[in-house]
Amino acid sequence: MKRETEVEIFGNSYIVRSETEEEYTRQLAKYVDGKMKEVAGGVNTISSLKVAILAALSISSELFELTEKHRQQNDYIDRKATKLISILDTKLEEKTAQ
């Protein structure tokens, strides 16, 4: 069921229709608002569109960094699991051979 949540981002109010919980939508809006304010650096002369694009680039960079970190962690876990399986297989073979 779609919910309507009113949020404020960079001084503008928006109605967001989403299936997510209202609090989650508010948290997302607060995060975007914070990024836009950070990018604007307190200067009001920059257009909202430029600020939004720069904020989107900043958020995208965070996403890419986290995605790469997640991929590296998965690779590490896969290597360790493969090594453990190999050790277990070796021990089972030794036990079976006895």
Protein backbone atom coordinates (compact mmCIF):
# COMPACT_ATOMS: atom_id res chain seq x y z
CA MET A 1 0.00 0.00 0.00
CA LYS A 2 1.44 3.37 -1.00
CA ARG A 3 1.88 5.93 1.73
CA GLU A 4 2.15 9.65 1.27
CA THR A 5 4.78 11.36 3.36
CA GLU A 6 5.46 15.07 3.34
CA VAL A 7 9.15 15.89 3.54
CA GLU A 8 11.25 19.03 3.26
CA ILE A 9 14.43 19.03 1.21
CA PHE A 10 16.56 22.15 0.75
CA GLY A 11 13.71 24.46 1.75
CA ASN A 12 11.08 22.85 -0.48
CA SER A 13 8.20 20.61 0.58
CA TYR A 14 7.49 17.41 -1.32
CA ILE A 15 4.90 14.67 -1.07
CA VAL A 16 6.60 11.31 -1.49
CA ARG A 17 4.47 8.30 -2.39
CA SER A 18 6.18 5.12 -1.33
CA GLU A 19 5.58 1.64 0.01
CA THR A 20 8.18 2.20 2.70
CA GLU A 21 7.48 3.33 6.25
CA GLU A 22 7.03 7.08 6.70
CA GLU A 23 9.94 7.29 9.14
CA TYR A 24 12.26 5.66 6.61
CA THR A 25 11.16 8.12 3.92
CA ARG A 26 11.76 10.99 6.34
CA GLN A 27 15.24 9.67 7.14
CA LEU A 28 16.09 9.50 3.43
CA ALA A 29 14.81 13.02 2.88
CA LYS A 30 16.78 14.28 5.88
CA TYR A 31 19.93 12.66 4.50
CA VAL A 32 19.44 14.22 1.05
CA ASP A 33 18.66 17.57 2.65
CA GLY A 34 21.85 17.35 4.69
CA LYS A 35 23.93 16.50 1.61
CA MET A 36 22.45 19.39 -0.32
CA LYS A 37 23.18 21.80 2.52
CA GLU A 38 26.70 20.43 2.81
CA VAL A 39 27.30 20.89 -0.94
CA ALA A 40 25.81 24.38 -0.92
CA GLY A 41 28.14 25.30 1.92
CA GLY A 42 25.78 27.94 3.24
CA VAL A 43 25.85 29.89 -0.03
CA ASN A 44 22.33 30.66 -1.27
CA THR A 45 23.38 31.90 -4.71
CA ILE A 46 23.94 28.40 -6.16
CA SER A 47 20.92 27.07 -8.07
CA SER A 48 18.97 24.24 -6.45
CA LEU A 49 19.47 22.11 -9.55
CA LYS A 50 23.26 22.42 -9.36
CA VAL A 51 23.20 21.65 -5.64
CA ALA A 52 20.98 18.61 -6.27
CA ILE A 53 23.32 17.30 -8.97
CA LEU A 54 26.40 17.76 -6.79
CA ALA A 55 24.63 16.10 -3.85
CA ALA A 56 23.60 13.20 -6.12
CA LEU A 57 27.23 12.79 -7.19
CA SER A 58 28.36 12.79 -3.56
CA ILE A 59 25.73 10.20 -2.57
CA SER A 60 26.62 8.10 -5.63
CA SER A 61 30.27 8.17 -4.62
CA GLU A 62 29.34 6.90 -1.15
CA LEU A 63 27.26 4.13 -2.72
CA PHE A 64 30.08 3.05 -5.05
CA GLU A 65 32.58 3.00 -2.17
CA LEU A 66 30.27 0.90 0.00
CA THR A 67 29.47 -1.44 -2.89
CA GLU A 68 33.19 -2.00 -3.54
CA LYS A 69 33.84 -2.58 0.17
CA HIS A 70 30.97 -5.08 0.27
CA ARG A 71 32.35 -6.88 -2.81
CA GLN A 72 35.82 -7.10 -1.23
CA GLN A 73 34.35 -8.48 2.00
CA ASN A 74 32.37 -11.09 0.05
CA ASP A 75 35.51 -12.10 -1.86
CA TYR A 76 37.39 -12.46 1.43
CA ILE A 77 34.60 -14.57 2.93
CA ASP A 78 34.47 -16.76 -0.19
CA ARG A 79 38.25 -17.35 -0.05
CA LYS A 80 38.12 -18.22 3.66
CA ALA A 81 35.12 -20.53 3.19
CA THR A 82 36.85 -22.33 0.31
CA LYS A 83 39.98 -22.76 2.42
CA LEU A 84 37.95 -24.11 5.37
CA ILE A 85 36.08 -26.55 3.12
CA SER A 86 39.39 -27.75 1.73
CA ILE A 87 40.78 -28.30 5.24
CA LEU A 88 37.63 -30.16 6.30
CA ASP A 89 37.70 -32.33 3.17
CA THR A 90 41.35 -33.20 3.82
CA LYS A 91 40.63 -34.13 7.46
CA LEU A 92 37.62 -36.23 6.45
CA GLU A 93 39.67 -38.06 3.84
CA GLU A 94 42.39 -38.75 6.42
CA LYS A 95 39.80 -39.99 8.89
CA THR A 96 38.15 -42.21 6.25
CA ALA A 97 41.52 -43.64 5.21
CA GLN A 98 42.26 -44.78 8.75
